[in-house]
Amino acid sequence: MKFFLRITQAQAIHIKLFSFSHSLDIRKTVDLLCSVDHFPVPNVNNYQQYDGRHQEIQNKLLNLTQYQDLIKTIIEQLTNFIQEHIKTCITLAIGCEQGRHRSVATINNKK
């Protein structure tokens, strides 16, 4: 997923978001790295057949106060990084154990 964050009218920053599995891949070219491994796997029937784009999985995570706090922290860190570094492209990677549920749900968080 990619999105743009407009800092000023004259400058747009391209932000790349990646979801990854701690056991398989850690992107070495990321600017910011975050783990959501410490959050519980969402209790959804047959969750293995779904990924983090599934609405029920996203809702389970969004209902956790700690998860909402983490999202705020990620946004703060991203904002600080943007202010401290002169870059037009920033890569943010979010990982969990399998890289299919919690990290994907975080990347796809639209709230």
PDB file of N, CA and C in Angstrom:
ATOM      1  N   MET A   1       0.838  -1.163   0.000  1.00  0.00           N
ATOM      2  CA  MET A   1       0.000   0.000   0.000  1.00  0.00           C
ATOM      3  C   MET A   1       0.887   1.231   0.000  1.00  0.00           C
ATOM      4  N   LYS A   2       0.509   2.229  -0.722  1.00  0.00           N
ATOM      5  CA  LYS A   2       1.252   3.477  -0.783  1.00  0.00           C
ATOM      6  C   LYS A   2       0.282   4.619  -0.570  1.00  0.00           C
ATOM      7  N   PHE A   3       0.756   5.673   0.076  1.00  0.00           N
ATOM      8  CA  PHE A   3      -0.064   6.865   0.177  1.00  0.00           C
ATOM      9  C   PHE A   3       0.843   8.074   0.226  1.00  0.00           C
ATOM     10  N   PHE A   4       0.269   9.230   0.038  1.00  0.00           N
ATOM     11  CA  PHE A   4       1.022  10.469   0.045  1.00  0.00           C
ATOM     12  C   PHE A   4       0.609  11.309   1.235  1.00  0.00           C
ATOM     13  N   LEU A   5       1.579  11.939   1.875  1.00  0.00           N
ATOM     14  CA  LEU A   5       1.333  12.853   2.971  1.00  0.00           C
ATOM     15  C   LEU A   5       1.823  14.217   2.524  1.00  0.00           C
ATOM     16  N   ARG A   6       0.937  15.178   2.470  1.00  0.00           N
ATOM     17  CA  ARG A   6       1.314  16.506   2.011  1.00  0.00           C
ATOM     18  C   ARG A   6       1.790  17.324   3.203  1.00  0.00           C
ATOM     19  N   ILE A   7       3.044  17.764   3.157  1.00  0.00           N
ATOM     20  CA  ILE A   7       3.636  18.551   4.228  1.00  0.00           C
ATOM     21  C   ILE A   7       3.410  20.037   3.974  1.00  0.00           C
ATOM     22  N   THR A   8       3.705  20.458   2.794  1.00  0.00           N
ATOM     23  CA  THR A   8       3.427  21.835   2.389  1.00  0.00           C
ATOM     24  C   THR A   8       2.769  21.768   1.026  1.00  0.00           C
ATOM     25  N   GLN A   9       2.330  22.900   0.549  1.00  0.00           N
ATOM     26  CA  GLN A   9       1.705  22.904  -0.766  1.00  0.00           C
ATOM     27  C   GLN A   9       2.708  22.541  -1.853  1.00  0.00           C
ATOM     28  N   ALA A  10       3.985  22.808  -1.604  1.00  0.00           N
ATOM     29  CA  ALA A  10       4.996  22.590  -2.635  1.00  0.00           C
ATOM     30  C   ALA A  10       5.663  21.220  -2.541  1.00  0.00           C
ATOM     31  N   GLN A  11       5.503  20.516  -1.421  1.00  0.00           N
ATOM     32  CA  GLN A  11       6.239  19.274  -1.222  1.00  0.00           C
ATOM     33  C   GLN A  11       5.307  18.132  -0.828  1.00  0.00           C
ATOM     34  N   ALA A  12       5.381  17.049  -1.560  1.00  0.00           N
ATOM     35  CA  ALA A  12       4.643  15.832  -1.201  1.00  0.00           C
ATOM     36  C   ALA A  12       5.661  14.755  -0.852  1.00  0.00           C
ATOM     37  N   ILE A  13       5.360  13.970   0.147  1.00  0.00           N
ATOM     38  CA  ILE A  13       6.240  12.882   0.554  1.00  0.00           C
ATOM     39  C   ILE A  13       5.530  11.569   0.256  1.00  0.00           C
ATOM     40  N   HIS A  14       6.236  10.708  -0.423  1.00  0.00           N
ATOM     41  CA  HIS A  14       5.721   9.390  -0.802  1.00  0.00           C
ATOM     42  C   HIS A  14       6.061   8.422   0.331  1.00  0.00           C
ATOM     43  N   ILE A  15       5.059   7.757   0.900  1.00  0.00           N
ATOM     44  CA  ILE A  15       5.284   6.820   1.991  1.00  0.00           C
ATOM     45  C   ILE A  15       4.895   5.418   1.531  1.00  0.00           C
ATOM     46  N   LYS A  16       5.859   4.495   1.606  1.00  0.00           N
ATOM     47  CA  LYS A  16       5.609   3.098   1.256  1.00  0.00           C
ATOM     48  C   LYS A  16       5.411   2.314   2.547  1.00  0.00           C
ATOM     49  N   LEU A  17       4.366   1.523   2.586  1.00  0.00           N
ATOM     50  CA  LEU A  17       4.070   0.696   3.749  1.00  0.00           C
ATOM     51  C   LEU A  17       4.246  -0.774   3.383  1.00  0.00           C
ATOM     52  N   PHE A  18       4.956  -1.513   4.238  1.00  0.00           N
ATOM     53  CA  PHE A  18       5.177  -2.939   4.002  1.00  0.00           C
ATOM     54  C   PHE A  18       4.774  -3.740   5.232  1.00  0.00           C
ATOM     55  N   SER A  19       4.158  -4.859   4.992  1.00  0.00           N
ATOM     56  CA  SER A  19       3.863  -5.830   6.037  1.00  0.00           C
ATOM     57  C   SER A  19       4.828  -6.993   5.828  1.00  0.00           C
ATOM     58  N   PHE A  20       5.412  -7.489   6.926  1.00  0.00           N
ATOM     59  CA  PHE A  20       6.359  -8.591   6.754  1.00  0.00           C
ATOM     60  C   PHE A  20       6.292  -9.546   7.938  1.00  0.00           C
ATOM     61  N   SER A  21       6.823 -10.737   7.731  1.00  0.00           N
ATOM     62  CA  SER A  21       6.911 -11.754   8.769  1.00  0.00           C
ATOM     63  C   SER A  21       8.295 -11.698   9.392  1.00  0.00           C
ATOM     64  N   HIS A  22       8.355 -11.666  10.727  1.00  0.00           N
ATOM     65  CA  HIS A  22       9.653 -11.670  11.407  1.00  0.00           C
ATOM     66  C   HIS A  22      10.452 -12.924  11.069  1.00  0.00           C
ATOM     67  N   SER A  23       9.766 -14.035  10.867  1.00  0.00           N
ATOM     68  CA  SER A  23      10.469 -15.294  10.632  1.00  0.00           C
ATOM     69  C   SER A  23      10.982 -15.439   9.200  1.00  0.00           C
ATOM     70  N   LEU A  24      10.475 -14.662   8.281  1.00  0.00           N
ATOM     71  CA  LEU A  24      10.862 -14.832   6.881  1.00  0.00           C
ATOM     72  C   LEU A  24      11.655 -13.673   6.293  1.00  0.00           C
ATOM     73  N   ASP A  25      11.310 -12.450   6.659  1.00  0.00           N
ATOM     74  CA  ASP A  25      11.897 -11.329   5.934  1.00  0.00           C
ATOM     75  C   ASP A  25      11.889 -10.069   6.783  1.00  0.00           C
ATOM     76  N   ILE A  26      13.022  -9.437   6.883  1.00  0.00           N
ATOM     77  CA  ILE A  26      13.092  -8.100   7.469  1.00  0.00           C
ATOM     78  C   ILE A  26      13.693  -7.203   6.404  1.00  0.00           C
ATOM     79  N   ARG A  27      12.931  -6.239   6.001  1.00  0.00           N
ATOM     80  CA  ARG A  27      13.397  -5.337   4.947  1.00  0.00           C
ATOM     81  C   ARG A  27      14.558  -4.500   5.473  1.00  0.00           C
ATOM     82  N   LYS A  28      15.657  -4.512   4.751  1.00  0.00           N
ATOM     83  CA  LYS A  28      16.853  -3.801   5.189  1.00  0.00           C
ATOM     84  C   LYS A  28      16.901  -2.366   4.698  1.00  0.00           C
ATOM     85  N   THR A  29      15.973  -2.016   3.858  1.00  0.00           N
ATOM     86  CA  THR A  29      15.989  -0.663   3.306  1.00  0.00           C
ATOM     87  C   THR A  29      14.848   0.187   3.860  1.00  0.00           C
ATOM     88  N   VAL A  30      14.386  -0.141   5.062  1.00  0.00           N
ATOM     89  CA  VAL A  30      13.281   0.614   5.644  1.00  0.00           C
ATOM     90  C   VAL A  30      13.809   1.787   6.461  1.00  0.00           C
ATOM     91  N   ASP A  31      12.998   2.820   6.533  1.00  0.00           N
ATOM     92  CA  ASP A  31      13.340   3.973   7.355  1.00  0.00           C
ATOM     93  C   ASP A  31      12.816   3.799   8.778  1.00  0.00           C
ATOM     94  N   LEU A  32      11.630   3.244   8.903  1.00  0.00           N
ATOM     95  CA  LEU A  32      11.022   2.997  10.209  1.00  0.00           C
ATOM     96  C   LEU A  32      10.519   1.562  10.255  1.00  0.00           C
ATOM     97  N   LEU A  33      10.714   0.922  11.394  1.00  0.00           N
ATOM     98  CA  LEU A  33      10.324  -0.475  11.565  1.00  0.00           C
ATOM     99  C   LEU A  33       9.512  -0.600  12.851  1.00  0.00           C
ATOM    100  N   CYS A  34       8.414  -1.305  12.780  1.00  0.00           N
ATOM    101  CA  CYS A  34       7.541  -1.478  13.943  1.00  0.00           C
ATOM    102  C   CYS A  34       7.079  -2.928  14.006  1.00  0.00           C
ATOM    103  N   SER A  35       6.980  -3.444  15.227  1.00  0.00           N
ATOM    104  CA  SER A  35       6.478  -4.802  15.420  1.00  0.00           C
ATOM    105  C   SER A  35       5.122  -4.752  16.116  1.00  0.00           C
ATOM    106  N   VAL A  36       4.194  -5.542  15.615  1.00  0.00           N
ATOM    107  CA  VAL A  36       2.893  -5.699  16.270  1.00  0.00           C
ATOM    108  C   VAL A  36       2.750  -7.132  16.788  1.00  0.00           C
ATOM    109  N   ASP A  37       3.884  -7.793  16.934  1.00  0.00           N
ATOM    110  CA  ASP A  37       3.935  -9.184  17.376  1.00  0.00           C
ATOM    111  C   ASP A  37       3.400  -9.368  18.798  1.00  0.00           C
ATOM    112  N   HIS A  38       3.473  -8.340  19.612  1.00  0.00           N
ATOM    113  CA  HIS A  38       3.059  -8.449  21.008  1.00  0.00           C
ATOM    114  C   HIS A  38       1.542  -8.381  21.199  1.00  0.00           C
ATOM    115  N   PHE A  39       0.802  -8.059  20.139  1.00  0.00           N
ATOM    116  CA  PHE A  39      -0.657  -8.060  20.239  1.00  0.00           C
ATOM    117  C   PHE A  39      -1.178  -9.477  20.029  1.00  0.00           C
ATOM    118  N   PRO A  40      -2.271  -9.828  20.701  1.00  0.00           N
ATOM    119  CA  PRO A  40      -2.798 -11.185  20.526  1.00  0.00           C
ATOM    120  C   PRO A  40      -3.314 -11.405  19.111  1.00  0.00           C
ATOM    121  N   VAL A  41      -3.193 -12.646  18.663  1.00  0.00           N
ATOM    122  CA  VAL A  41      -3.770 -13.007  17.369  1.00  0.00           C
ATOM    123  C   VAL A  41      -5.281 -12.867  17.518  1.00  0.00           C
ATOM    124  N   PRO A  42      -5.935 -12.139  16.618  1.00  0.00           N
ATOM    125  CA  PRO A  42      -7.383 -11.925  16.746  1.00  0.00           C
ATOM    126  C   PRO A  42      -8.151 -13.239  16.827  1.00  0.00           C
ATOM    127  N   ASN A  43      -9.069 -13.313  17.764  1.00  0.00           N
ATOM    128  CA  ASN A  43      -9.884 -14.506  17.973  1.00  0.00           C
ATOM    129  C   ASN A  43     -11.044 -14.495  16.982  1.00  0.00           C
ATOM    130  N   VAL A  44     -10.766 -14.991  15.795  1.00  0.00           N
ATOM    131  CA  VAL A  44     -11.756 -15.051  14.719  1.00  0.00           C
ATOM    132  C   VAL A  44     -11.830 -16.506  14.270  1.00  0.00           C
ATOM    133  N   ASN A  45     -13.040 -17.032  14.122  1.00  0.00           N
ATOM    134  CA  ASN A  45     -13.189 -18.416  13.664  1.00  0.00           C
ATOM    135  C   ASN A  45     -12.462 -18.621  12.342  1.00  0.00           C
ATOM    136  N   ASN A  46     -11.675 -19.684  12.284  1.00  0.00           N
ATOM    137  CA  ASN A  46     -10.928 -20.033  11.072  1.00  0.00           C
ATOM    138  C   ASN A  46     -10.056 -18.878  10.579  1.00  0.00           C
ATOM    139  N   TYR A  47      -9.452 -18.144  11.513  1.00  0.00           N
ATOM    140  CA  TYR A  47      -8.690 -16.955  11.126  1.00  0.00           C
ATOM    141  C   TYR A  47      -7.565 -17.259  10.145  1.00  0.00           C
ATOM    142  N   GLN A  48      -7.046 -18.477  10.144  1.00  0.00           N
ATOM    143  CA  GLN A  48      -5.948 -18.819   9.236  1.00  0.00           C
ATOM    144  C   GLN A  48      -6.345 -18.685   7.772  1.00  0.00           C
ATOM    145  N   GLN A  49      -7.628 -18.827   7.468  1.00  0.00           N
ATOM    146  CA  GLN A  49      -8.045 -18.704   6.066  1.00  0.00           C
ATOM    147  C   GLN A  49      -8.161 -17.242   5.635  1.00  0.00           C
ATOM    148  N   TYR A  50      -8.075 -16.314   6.588  1.00  0.00           N
ATOM    149  CA  TYR A  50      -8.178 -14.891   6.276  1.00  0.00           C
ATOM    150  C   TYR A  50      -6.828 -14.217   6.465  1.00  0.00           C
ATOM    151  N   ASP A  51      -6.715 -13.004   5.966  1.00  0.00           N
ATOM    152  CA  ASP A  51      -5.550 -12.191   6.288  1.00  0.00           C
ATOM    153  C   ASP A  51      -6.041 -10.913   6.967  1.00  0.00           C
ATOM    154  N   GLY A  52      -5.143 -10.008   7.230  1.00  0.00           N
ATOM    155  CA  GLY A  52      -5.468  -8.801   7.970  1.00  0.00           C
ATOM    156  C   GLY A  52      -6.394  -7.837   7.261  1.00  0.00           C
ATOM    157  N   ARG A  53      -6.741  -8.113   6.013  1.00  0.00           N
ATOM    158  CA  ARG A  53      -7.710  -7.263   5.315  1.00  0.00           C
ATOM    159  C   ARG A  53      -9.141  -7.614   5.702  1.00  0.00           C
ATOM    160  N   HIS A  54      -9.325  -8.771   6.348  1.00  0.00           N
ATOM    161  CA  HIS A  54     -10.655  -9.219   6.765  1.00  0.00           C
ATOM    162  C   HIS A  54     -11.185  -8.265   7.844  1.00  0.00           C
ATOM    163  N   GLN A  55     -12.394  -7.785   7.654  1.00  0.00           N
ATOM    164  CA  GLN A  55     -12.970  -6.763   8.530  1.00  0.00           C
ATOM    165  C   GLN A  55     -13.032  -7.191   9.991  1.00  0.00           C
ATOM    166  N   GLU A  56     -13.357  -8.452  10.240  1.00  0.00           N
ATOM    167  CA  GLU A  56     -13.461  -8.918  11.626  1.00  0.00           C
ATOM    168  C   GLU A  56     -12.103  -8.897  12.332  1.00  0.00           C
ATOM    169  N   ILE A  57     -11.053  -9.259  11.616  1.00  0.00           N
ATOM    170  CA  ILE A  57      -9.704  -9.210  12.185  1.00  0.00           C
ATOM    171  C   ILE A  57      -9.322  -7.768  12.477  1.00  0.00           C
ATOM    172  N   GLN A  58      -9.584  -6.865  11.546  1.00  0.00           N
ATOM    173  CA  GLN A  58      -9.278  -5.452  11.768  1.00  0.00           C
ATOM    174  C   GLN A  58     -10.048  -4.907  12.968  1.00  0.00           C
ATOM    175  N   ASN A  59     -11.329  -5.242  13.068  1.00  0.00           N
ATOM    176  CA  ASN A  59     -12.147  -4.746  14.180  1.00  0.00           C
ATOM    177  C   ASN A  59     -11.642  -5.234  15.532  1.00  0.00           C
ATOM    178  N   LYS A  60     -11.211  -6.500  15.602  1.00  0.00           N
ATOM    179  CA  LYS A  60     -10.695  -7.041  16.864  1.00  0.00           C
ATOM    180  C   LYS A  60      -9.478  -6.247  17.326  1.00  0.00           C
ATOM    181  N   LEU A  61      -8.587  -5.917  16.398  1.00  0.00           N
ATOM    182  CA  LEU A  61      -7.406  -5.139  16.761  1.00  0.00           C
ATOM    183  C   LEU A  61      -7.769  -3.704  17.108  1.00  0.00           C
ATOM    184  N   LEU A  62      -8.629  -3.095  16.313  1.00  0.00           N
ATOM    185  CA  LEU A  62      -9.002  -1.701  16.548  1.00  0.00           C
ATOM    186  C   LEU A  62      -9.687  -1.501  17.893  1.00  0.00           C
ATOM    187  N   ASN A  63     -10.295  -2.540  18.435  1.00  0.00           N
ATOM    188  CA  ASN A  63     -10.968  -2.431  19.728  1.00  0.00           C
ATOM    189  C   ASN A  63     -10.009  -2.507  20.913  1.00  0.00           C
ATOM    190  N   LEU A  64      -8.742  -2.809  20.659  1.00  0.00           N
ATOM    191  CA  LEU A  64      -7.743  -2.853  21.731  1.00  0.00           C
ATOM    192  C   LEU A  64      -7.191  -1.448  21.968  1.00  0.00           C
ATOM    193  N   THR A  65      -7.275  -0.964  23.194  1.00  0.00           N
ATOM    194  CA  THR A  65      -6.757   0.371  23.521  1.00  0.00           C
ATOM    195  C   THR A  65      -5.266   0.459  23.221  1.00  0.00           C
ATOM    196  N   GLN A  66      -4.521  -0.596  23.544  1.00  0.00           N
ATOM    197  CA  GLN A  66      -3.076  -0.589  23.307  1.00  0.00           C
ATOM    198  C   GLN A  66      -2.767  -0.472  21.814  1.00  0.00           C
ATOM    199  N   TYR A  67      -3.607  -1.065  20.998  1.00  0.00           N
ATOM    200  CA  TYR A  67      -3.405  -1.010  19.547  1.00  0.00           C
ATOM    201  C   TYR A  67      -3.618   0.412  19.051  1.00  0.00           C
ATOM    202  N   GLN A  68      -4.659   1.065  19.541  1.00  0.00           N
ATOM    203  CA  GLN A  68      -4.914   2.453  19.154  1.00  0.00           C
ATOM    204  C   GLN A  68      -3.756   3.342  19.587  1.00  0.00           C
ATOM    205  N   ASP A  69      -3.196   3.074  20.779  1.00  0.00           N
ATOM    206  CA  ASP A  69      -2.033   3.828  21.250  1.00  0.00           C
ATOM    207  C   ASP A  69      -0.833   3.603  20.338  1.00  0.00           C
ATOM    208  N   LEU A  70      -0.657   2.366  19.880  1.00  0.00           N
ATOM    209  CA  LEU A  70       0.449   2.071  18.972  1.00  0.00           C
ATOM    210  C   LEU A  70       0.302   2.835  17.659  1.00  0.00           C
ATOM    211  N   ILE A  71      -0.900   2.895  17.119  1.00  0.00           N
ATOM    212  CA  ILE A  71      -1.127   3.628  15.872  1.00  0.00           C
ATOM    213  C   ILE A  71      -0.755   5.094  16.059  1.00  0.00           C
ATOM    214  N   LYS A  72      -1.142   5.680  17.185  1.00  0.00           N
ATOM    215  CA  LYS A  72      -0.790   7.077  17.479  1.00  0.00           C
ATOM    216  C   LYS A  72       0.725   7.241  17.548  1.00  0.00           C
ATOM    217  N   THR A  73       1.397   6.280  18.193  1.00  0.00           N
ATOM    218  CA  THR A  73       2.855   6.330  18.307  1.00  0.00           C
ATOM    219  C   THR A  73       3.516   6.227  16.936  1.00  0.00           C
ATOM    220  N   ILE A  74       3.020   5.339  16.090  1.00  0.00           N
ATOM    221  CA  ILE A  74       3.572   5.201  14.735  1.00  0.00           C
ATOM    222  C   ILE A  74       3.423   6.514  13.976  1.00  0.00           C
ATOM    223  N   ILE A  75       2.263   7.141  14.076  1.00  0.00           N
ATOM    224  CA  ILE A  75       2.036   8.413  13.381  1.00  0.00           C
ATOM    225  C   ILE A  75       2.964   9.489  13.928  1.00  0.00           C
ATOM    226  N   GLU A  76       3.155   9.535  15.248  1.00  0.00           N
ATOM    227  CA  GLU A  76       4.073  10.505  15.851  1.00  0.00           C
ATOM    228  C   GLU A  76       5.500  10.271  15.371  1.00  0.00           C
ATOM    229  N   GLN A  77       5.941   9.009  15.364  1.00  0.00           N
ATOM    230  CA  GLN A  77       7.294   8.694  14.912  1.00  0.00           C
ATOM    231  C   GLN A  77       7.477   9.037  13.441  1.00  0.00           C
ATOM    232  N   LEU A  78       6.477   8.759  12.650  1.00  0.00           N
ATOM    233  CA  LEU A  78       6.533   9.084  11.230  1.00  0.00           C
ATOM    234  C   LEU A  78       6.611  10.593  11.037  1.00  0.00           C
ATOM    235  N   THR A  79       5.807  11.336  11.774  1.00  0.00           N
ATOM    236  CA  THR A  79       5.829  12.799  11.691  1.00  0.00           C
ATOM    237  C   THR A  79       7.189  13.342  12.108  1.00  0.00           C
ATOM    238  N   ASN A  80       7.749  12.829  13.209  1.00  0.00           N
ATOM    239  CA  ASN A  80       9.073  13.263  13.659  1.00  0.00           C
ATOM    240  C   ASN A  80      10.143  12.925  12.629  1.00  0.00           C
ATOM    241  N   PHE A  81      10.053  11.734  12.056  1.00  0.00           N
ATOM    242  CA  PHE A  81      11.027  11.326  11.043  1.00  0.00           C
ATOM    243  C   PHE A  81      10.986  12.272   9.849  1.00  0.00           C
ATOM    244  N   ILE A  82       9.789  12.611   9.418  1.00  0.00           N
ATOM    245  CA  ILE A  82       9.622  13.518   8.276  1.00  0.00           C
ATOM    246  C   ILE A  82      10.237  14.873   8.584  1.00  0.00           C
ATOM    247  N   GLN A  83      10.032  15.362   9.790  1.00  0.00           N
ATOM    248  CA  GLN A  83      10.557  16.674  10.165  1.00  0.00           C
ATOM    249  C   GLN A  83      12.073  16.674  10.302  1.00  0.00           C
ATOM    250  N   GLU A  84      12.655  15.537  10.680  1.00  0.00           N
ATOM    251  CA  GLU A  84      14.093  15.457  10.915  1.00  0.00           C
ATOM    252  C   GLU A  84      14.905  15.076   9.683  1.00  0.00           C
ATOM    253  N   HIS A  85      14.291  14.476   8.697  1.00  0.00           N
ATOM    254  CA  HIS A  85      15.016  13.991   7.527  1.00  0.00           C
ATOM    255  C   HIS A  85      14.460  14.625   6.258  1.00  0.00           C
ATOM    256  N   ILE A  86      15.365  14.913   5.371  1.00  0.00           N
ATOM    257  CA  ILE A  86      14.950  15.477   4.087  1.00  0.00           C
ATOM    258  C   ILE A  86      14.874  14.327   3.093  1.00  0.00           C
ATOM    259  N   LYS A  87      13.684  13.803   2.930  1.00  0.00           N
ATOM    260  CA  LYS A  87      13.468  12.692   2.003  1.00  0.00           C
ATOM    261  C   LYS A  87      12.137  12.903   1.307  1.00  0.00           C
ATOM    262  N   THR A  88      12.064  12.455   0.089  1.00  0.00           N
ATOM    263  CA  THR A  88      10.786  12.518  -0.624  1.00  0.00           C
ATOM    264  C   THR A  88      10.089  11.167  -0.621  1.00  0.00           C
ATOM    265  N   CYS A  89      10.802  10.122  -0.183  1.00  0.00           N
ATOM    266  CA  CYS A  89      10.219   8.781  -0.112  1.00  0.00           C
ATOM    267  C   CYS A  89      10.638   8.136   1.209  1.00  0.00           C
ATOM    268  N   ILE A  90       9.668   7.669   1.965  1.00  0.00           N
ATOM    269  CA  ILE A  90       9.922   7.043   3.263  1.00  0.00           C
ATOM    270  C   ILE A  90       9.287   5.654   3.253  1.00  0.00           C
ATOM    271  N   THR A  91      10.012   4.687   3.810  1.00  0.00           N
ATOM    272  CA  THR A  91       9.508   3.320   3.877  1.00  0.00           C
ATOM    273  C   THR A  91       9.252   2.946   5.333  1.00  0.00           C
ATOM    274  N   LEU A  92       8.024   2.520   5.611  1.00  0.00           N
ATOM    275  CA  LEU A  92       7.616   2.077   6.939  1.00  0.00           C
ATOM    276  C   LEU A  92       7.243   0.602   6.843  1.00  0.00           C
ATOM    277  N   ALA A  93       7.902  -0.239   7.644  1.00  0.00           N
ATOM    278  CA  ALA A  93       7.612  -1.675   7.641  1.00  0.00           C
ATOM    279  C   ALA A  93       7.027  -2.068   8.989  1.00  0.00           C
ATOM    280  N   ILE A  94       5.968  -2.856   8.940  1.00  0.00           N
ATOM    281  CA  ILE A  94       5.314  -3.333  10.154  1.00  0.00           C
ATOM    282  C   ILE A  94       5.282  -4.855  10.090  1.00  0.00           C
ATOM    283  N   GLY A  95       5.806  -5.487  11.138  1.00  0.00           N
ATOM    284  CA  GLY A  95       5.926  -6.937  11.115  1.00  0.00           C
ATOM    285  C   GLY A  95       5.231  -7.627  12.264  1.00  0.00           C
ATOM    286  N   CYS A  96       4.942  -8.891  12.040  1.00  0.00           N
ATOM    287  CA  CYS A  96       4.422  -9.778  13.079  1.00  0.00           C
ATOM    288  C   CYS A  96       4.937 -11.184  12.769  1.00  0.00           C
ATOM    289  N   GLU A  97       4.520 -12.152  13.542  1.00  0.00           N
ATOM    290  CA  GLU A  97       5.073 -13.500  13.420  1.00  0.00           C
ATOM    291  C   GLU A  97       4.915 -14.090  12.019  1.00  0.00           C
ATOM    292  N   GLN A  98       3.704 -14.081  11.486  1.00  0.00           N
ATOM    293  CA  GLN A  98       3.467 -14.662  10.166  1.00  0.00           C
ATOM    294  C   GLN A  98       3.423 -13.622   9.055  1.00  0.00           C
ATOM    295  N   GLY A  99       3.228 -12.362   9.411  1.00  0.00           N
ATOM    296  CA  GLY A  99       3.129 -11.318   8.394  1.00  0.00           C
ATOM    297  C   GLY A  99       1.836 -11.380   7.600  1.00  0.00           C
ATOM    298  N   ARG A 100       0.786 -11.980   8.181  1.00  0.00           N
ATOM    299  CA  ARG A 100      -0.476 -12.141   7.445  1.00  0.00           C
ATOM    300  C   ARG A 100      -1.674 -11.490   8.119  1.00  0.00           C
ATOM    301  N   HIS A 101      -1.632 -11.328   9.431  1.00  0.00           N
ATOM    302  CA  HIS A 101      -2.835 -10.887  10.135  1.00  0.00           C
ATOM    303  C   HIS A 101      -2.646  -9.516  10.785  1.00  0.00           C
ATOM    304  N   ARG A 102      -1.895  -9.462  11.887  1.00  0.00           N
ATOM    305  CA  ARG A 102      -1.754  -8.208  12.637  1.00  0.00           C
ATOM    306  C   ARG A 102      -1.044  -7.131  11.836  1.00  0.00           C
ATOM    307  N   SER A 103       0.047  -7.492  11.176  1.00  0.00           N
ATOM    308  CA  SER A 103       0.778  -6.472  10.409  1.00  0.00           C
ATOM    309  C   SER A 103      -0.018  -6.006   9.196  1.00  0.00           C
ATOM    310  N   VAL A 104      -0.690  -6.919   8.528  1.00  0.00           N
ATOM    311  CA  VAL A 104      -1.518  -6.552   7.369  1.00  0.00           C
ATOM    312  C   VAL A 104      -2.679  -5.669   7.817  1.00  0.00           C
ATOM    313  N   ALA A 105      -3.304  -6.012   8.946  1.00  0.00           N
ATOM    314  CA  ALA A 105      -4.408  -5.197   9.466  1.00  0.00           C
ATOM    315  C   ALA A 105      -3.922  -3.795   9.807  1.00  0.00           C
ATOM    316  N   THR A 106      -2.709  -3.686  10.344  1.00  0.00           N
ATOM    317  CA  THR A 106      -2.162  -2.379  10.699  1.00  0.00           C
ATOM    318  C   THR A 106      -1.894  -1.551   9.454  1.00  0.00           C
ATOM    319  N   ILE A 107      -1.301  -2.157   8.448  1.00  0.00           N
ATOM    320  CA  ILE A 107      -1.026  -1.451   7.195  1.00  0.00           C
ATOM    321  C   ILE A 107      -2.322  -0.991   6.540  1.00  0.00           C
ATOM    322  N   ASN A 108      -3.354  -1.797   6.641  1.00  0.00           N
ATOM    323  CA  ASN A 108      -4.630  -1.476   5.995  1.00  0.00           C
ATOM    324  C   ASN A 108      -5.572  -0.670   6.877  1.00  0.00           C
ATOM    325  N   ASN A 109      -5.105  -0.251   8.044  1.00  0.00           N
ATOM    326  CA  ASN A 109      -5.924   0.541   8.961  1.00  0.00           C
ATOM    327  C   ASN A 109      -6.262   1.879   8.308  1.00  0.00           C
ATOM    328  N   LYS A 110      -7.527   2.142   8.116  1.00  0.00           N
ATOM    329  CA  LYS A 110      -7.954   3.363   7.441  1.00  0.00           C
ATOM    330  C   LYS A 110      -8.443   4.423   8.421  1.00  0.00           C
ATOM    331  N   LYS A 111      -8.401   4.122   9.717  1.00  0.00           N
ATOM    332  CA  LYS A 111      -8.946   5.055  10.705  1.00  0.00           C
ATOM    333  C   LYS A 111      -7.893   5.926  11.316  1.00  0.00           C
TER     334      LYS A 111
END
